[in-house]
């Protein structure tokens, strides 16, 4: 049996949840290294703090979403400066 055949047979599961769990576990295990790598490839024109936040964001976006996140739907949009918690109005 060739290596590609063994790999394709191993990745074929009825539910696919085992593969997702394995991928997520690998990403979580290597999270610090992935963040450092993302930090290094980001442009140096960004401020250090922005690069750190963006690196974490990129790695977190790479994590597969579970069924619960998909069923819950997308996150609501961020409130603008004129939202209900923007403070007392001048009027």
N, C-alpha and C. Protein backbone atom coordinates (compact mmCIF):
# COMPACT_ATOMS: atom_id res chain seq x y z
N UNK A 1 0.86 -1.17 0.00
CA UNK A 1 0.00 0.00 0.00
C UNK A 1 0.90 1.23 0.00
N UNK A 2 0.64 2.15 -0.91
CA UNK A 2 1.46 3.36 -1.01
C UNK A 2 1.11 4.32 0.11
N UNK A 3 2.03 5.25 0.36
CA UNK A 3 1.83 6.23 1.44
C UNK A 3 0.61 7.10 1.18
N UNK A 4 0.41 7.51 -0.08
CA UNK A 4 -0.74 8.37 -0.38
C UNK A 4 -2.05 7.63 -0.18
N UNK A 5 -2.07 6.32 -0.48
CA UNK A 5 -3.28 5.54 -0.25
C UNK A 5 -3.58 5.42 1.24
N UNK A 6 -2.56 5.18 2.03
CA UNK A 6 -2.75 5.05 3.48
C UNK A 6 -3.23 6.37 4.07
N UNK A 7 -2.67 7.47 3.60
CA UNK A 7 -3.08 8.78 4.10
C UNK A 7 -4.51 9.08 3.73
N UNK A 8 -4.89 8.79 2.49
CA UNK A 8 -6.26 9.09 2.07
C UNK A 8 -7.26 8.19 2.79
N UNK A 9 -6.89 6.92 3.06
CA UNK A 9 -7.80 6.04 3.78
C UNK A 9 -7.93 6.46 5.23
N UNK A 10 -6.84 6.93 5.84
CA UNK A 10 -6.88 7.36 7.22
C UNK A 10 -7.74 8.62 7.38
N UNK A 11 -7.72 9.50 6.38
CA UNK A 11 -8.47 10.75 6.50
C UNK A 11 -9.94 10.57 6.17
N UNK A 12 -10.31 9.44 5.62
CA UNK A 12 -11.72 9.19 5.31
C UNK A 12 -12.41 8.58 6.52
N UNK A 13 -13.18 9.38 7.20
CA UNK A 13 -13.97 8.87 8.31
C UNK A 13 -15.42 9.19 8.02
N UNK A 14 -16.35 8.40 8.54
CA UNK A 14 -17.76 8.64 8.26
C UNK A 14 -18.22 10.04 8.67
N UNK A 15 -17.82 10.49 9.83
CA UNK A 15 -18.30 11.79 10.29
C UNK A 15 -17.32 12.91 10.01
N UNK A 16 -16.06 12.62 9.87
CA UNK A 16 -15.05 13.64 9.66
C UNK A 16 -14.65 14.36 10.93
N UNK A 17 -15.33 14.06 12.04
CA UNK A 17 -15.06 14.78 13.28
C UNK A 17 -13.71 14.40 13.88
N UNK A 18 -13.26 13.17 13.66
CA UNK A 18 -11.97 12.75 14.20
C UNK A 18 -10.86 13.55 13.54
N UNK A 19 -10.94 13.75 12.23
CA UNK A 19 -9.92 14.51 11.53
C UNK A 19 -9.90 15.96 12.00
N UNK A 20 -11.06 16.54 12.21
CA UNK A 20 -11.14 17.92 12.68
C UNK A 20 -10.55 18.03 14.07
N UNK A 21 -10.85 17.07 14.93
CA UNK A 21 -10.31 17.08 16.29
C UNK A 21 -8.79 16.93 16.28
N UNK A 22 -8.27 16.08 15.40
CA UNK A 22 -6.82 15.90 15.30
C UNK A 22 -6.15 17.17 14.79
N UNK A 23 -6.76 17.80 13.80
CA UNK A 23 -6.20 19.04 13.26
C UNK A 23 -6.21 20.13 14.31
N UNK A 24 -7.32 20.23 15.02
CA UNK A 24 -7.42 21.26 16.06
C UNK A 24 -6.40 21.00 17.17
N UNK A 25 -6.23 19.75 17.57
CA UNK A 25 -5.26 19.42 18.61
C UNK A 25 -3.84 19.78 18.17
N UNK A 26 -3.53 19.52 16.91
CA UNK A 26 -2.19 19.86 16.40
C UNK A 26 -1.98 21.37 16.39
N UNK A 27 -2.99 22.12 15.98
CA UNK A 27 -2.87 23.59 15.97
C UNK A 27 -2.73 24.15 17.37
N UNK A 28 -3.51 23.62 18.30
CA UNK A 28 -3.44 24.11 19.68
C UNK A 28 -2.09 23.76 20.29
N UNK A 29 -1.58 22.59 19.98
CA UNK A 29 -0.29 22.17 20.52
C UNK A 29 0.83 23.08 20.05
N UNK A 30 0.75 23.51 18.80
CA UNK A 30 1.81 24.33 18.22
C UNK A 30 1.44 25.82 18.18
N UNK A 31 0.44 26.22 18.93
CA UNK A 31 -0.05 27.60 18.90
C UNK A 31 1.06 28.63 19.12
N UNK A 32 1.89 28.51 20.17
CA UNK A 32 2.93 29.54 20.37
C UNK A 32 3.89 29.68 19.19
N UNK A 33 4.27 28.54 18.61
CA UNK A 33 5.18 28.59 17.46
C UNK A 33 4.51 29.20 16.24
N UNK A 34 3.23 28.88 16.05
CA UNK A 34 2.51 29.45 14.91
C UNK A 34 2.35 30.96 15.05
N UNK A 35 2.10 31.42 16.28
CA UNK A 35 1.98 32.86 16.50
C UNK A 35 3.31 33.55 16.22
N UNK A 36 4.40 32.96 16.68
CA UNK A 36 5.72 33.55 16.41
C UNK A 36 6.01 33.61 14.91
N UNK A 37 5.66 32.56 14.21
CA UNK A 37 5.87 32.53 12.77
C UNK A 37 5.02 33.60 12.07
N UNK A 38 3.75 33.70 12.47
CA UNK A 38 2.88 34.72 11.89
C UNK A 38 3.42 36.11 12.18
N UNK A 39 3.93 36.33 13.39
CA UNK A 39 4.50 37.62 13.77
C UNK A 39 5.68 37.97 12.86
N UNK A 40 6.51 36.99 12.55
CA UNK A 40 7.70 37.24 11.74
C UNK A 40 7.37 37.56 10.29
N UNK A 41 6.29 37.01 9.76
CA UNK A 41 5.97 37.25 8.35
C UNK A 41 5.11 38.49 8.15
N UNK A 42 4.60 39.07 9.22
CA UNK A 42 3.82 40.30 9.08
C UNK A 42 4.75 41.47 8.75
N UNK A 43 4.22 42.48 8.06
CA UNK A 43 5.08 43.62 7.69
C UNK A 43 5.59 44.37 8.91
N UNK A 44 6.84 44.78 8.84
CA UNK A 44 7.45 45.51 9.96
C UNK A 44 6.91 46.93 10.07
N UNK A 45 6.16 47.38 9.08
CA UNK A 45 5.59 48.73 9.15
C UNK A 45 4.49 48.82 10.21
N UNK A 46 3.93 47.67 10.61
CA UNK A 46 2.94 47.67 11.68
C UNK A 46 3.63 47.84 13.02
N UNK A 47 2.95 48.49 13.94
CA UNK A 47 3.49 48.63 15.30
C UNK A 47 3.59 47.25 15.95
N UNK A 48 4.47 47.11 16.92
CA UNK A 48 4.71 45.81 17.57
C UNK A 48 3.42 45.23 18.15
N UNK A 49 2.66 46.05 18.86
CA UNK A 49 1.42 45.59 19.48
C UNK A 49 0.43 45.12 18.42
N UNK A 50 0.31 45.86 17.32
CA UNK A 50 -0.61 45.48 16.24
C UNK A 50 -0.16 44.18 15.59
N UNK A 51 1.15 43.99 15.44
CA UNK A 51 1.65 42.74 14.87
C UNK A 51 1.34 41.56 15.78
N UNK A 52 1.48 41.73 17.08
CA UNK A 52 1.18 40.65 18.03
C UNK A 52 -0.30 40.28 17.95
N UNK A 53 -1.17 41.29 17.97
CA UNK A 53 -2.60 41.02 17.90
C UNK A 53 -2.99 40.36 16.58
N UNK A 54 -2.41 40.84 15.49
CA UNK A 54 -2.72 40.27 14.18
C UNK A 54 -2.21 38.84 14.08
N UNK A 55 -1.05 38.56 14.64
CA UNK A 55 -0.51 37.20 14.61
C UNK A 55 -1.44 36.24 15.36
N UNK A 56 -1.90 36.64 16.53
CA UNK A 56 -2.84 35.80 17.28
C UNK A 56 -4.14 35.62 16.49
N UNK A 57 -4.61 36.68 15.88
CA UNK A 57 -5.85 36.61 15.10
C UNK A 57 -5.71 35.63 13.94
N UNK A 58 -4.60 35.68 13.24
CA UNK A 58 -4.39 34.77 12.11
C UNK A 58 -4.37 33.31 12.55
N UNK A 59 -3.69 33.02 13.64
CA UNK A 59 -3.62 31.63 14.12
C UNK A 59 -4.98 31.17 14.60
N UNK A 60 -5.71 32.03 15.30
CA UNK A 60 -7.03 31.65 15.79
C UNK A 60 -8.00 31.42 14.64
N UNK A 61 -7.86 32.19 13.56
CA UNK A 61 -8.72 31.97 12.39
C UNK A 61 -8.42 30.65 11.71
N UNK A 62 -7.21 30.14 11.90
CA UNK A 62 -6.84 28.86 11.30
C UNK A 62 -7.46 27.68 12.04
N UNK A 63 -7.86 27.89 13.29
CA UNK A 63 -8.48 26.81 14.06
C UNK A 63 -9.83 26.45 13.45
N UNK A 64 -10.11 25.16 13.28
CA UNK A 64 -11.42 24.78 12.73
C UNK A 64 -12.53 25.10 13.71
N UNK A 65 -13.65 25.50 13.16
CA UNK A 65 -14.81 25.82 14.00
C UNK A 65 -15.56 24.54 14.30
N UNK A 66 -16.05 24.44 15.52
CA UNK A 66 -16.85 23.28 15.91
C UNK A 66 -18.28 23.43 15.42
N UNK A 67 -19.06 22.41 15.61
CA UNK A 67 -20.47 22.45 15.20
C UNK A 67 -21.23 23.53 15.95
N UNK A 68 -20.90 23.73 17.22
CA UNK A 68 -21.62 24.71 18.03
C UNK A 68 -21.47 26.10 17.47
N UNK A 69 -20.26 26.45 17.00
CA UNK A 69 -20.03 27.78 16.45
C UNK A 69 -20.79 27.96 15.14
N UNK A 70 -20.88 26.90 14.35
CA UNK A 70 -21.60 26.99 13.08
C UNK A 70 -23.10 27.12 13.34
N UNK A 71 -23.63 26.35 14.29
CA UNK A 71 -25.05 26.40 14.59
C UNK A 71 -25.45 27.73 15.21
N UNK A 72 -24.54 28.35 15.96
CA UNK A 72 -24.86 29.61 16.61
C UNK A 72 -24.93 30.75 15.61
N UNK A 73 -24.31 30.61 14.46
CA UNK A 73 -24.33 31.66 13.46
C UNK A 73 -23.17 32.62 13.63
N UNK A 74 -23.10 33.60 12.74
CA UNK A 74 -21.99 34.54 12.81
C UNK A 74 -22.12 35.49 13.99
N UNK A 75 -20.99 36.09 14.36
CA UNK A 75 -20.99 37.07 15.44
C UNK A 75 -21.67 38.35 14.97
N UNK A 76 -22.31 39.08 15.88
CA UNK A 76 -22.91 40.35 15.48
C UNK A 76 -21.83 41.36 15.12
N UNK A 77 -22.21 42.35 14.32
CA UNK A 77 -21.26 43.37 13.89
C UNK A 77 -20.83 44.23 15.08
N UNK A 78 -19.62 44.78 14.98
CA UNK A 78 -19.10 45.64 16.04
C UNK A 78 -19.88 46.94 16.04
N UNK A 79 -20.12 47.45 17.25
CA UNK A 79 -20.85 48.70 17.36
C UNK A 79 -19.95 49.85 16.95
N UNK A 80 -20.55 50.85 16.32
CA UNK A 80 -19.80 52.03 15.91
C UNK A 80 -19.64 53.00 17.05
N UNK A 81 -19.01 54.14 16.78
CA UNK A 81 -18.76 55.16 17.80
C UNK A 81 -20.07 55.76 18.30
N UNK A 82 -21.11 55.72 17.51
CA UNK A 82 -22.38 56.31 17.92
C UNK A 82 -23.34 55.31 18.52
N UNK A 83 -22.85 54.17 18.99
CA UNK A 83 -23.70 53.13 19.55
C UNK A 83 -24.29 53.53 20.88
N UNK A 84 -25.13 52.68 21.46
CA UNK A 84 -25.81 53.02 22.71
C UNK A 84 -24.87 53.17 23.90
N UNK A 85 -23.64 52.65 23.81
CA UNK A 85 -22.72 52.74 24.93
C UNK A 85 -21.60 53.75 24.67
N UNK A 86 -21.84 54.68 23.78
CA UNK A 86 -20.80 55.65 23.41
C UNK A 86 -20.66 56.75 24.44
N UNK A 87 -21.54 56.80 25.40
CA UNK A 87 -21.45 57.83 26.43
C UNK A 87 -22.60 58.82 26.31
N UNK A 88 -22.66 59.81 27.20
CA UNK A 88 -23.75 60.77 27.15
C UNK A 88 -23.66 61.62 25.89
N UNK A 89 -24.81 61.92 25.35
CA UNK A 89 -24.84 62.74 24.14
C UNK A 89 -24.74 64.21 24.49
N UNK A 90 -24.27 64.99 23.54
CA UNK A 90 -24.07 66.43 23.77
C UNK A 90 -25.37 67.18 23.62
N UNK A 91 -26.42 66.53 23.17
CA UNK A 91 -27.66 67.23 22.84
C UNK A 91 -28.60 67.21 23.92
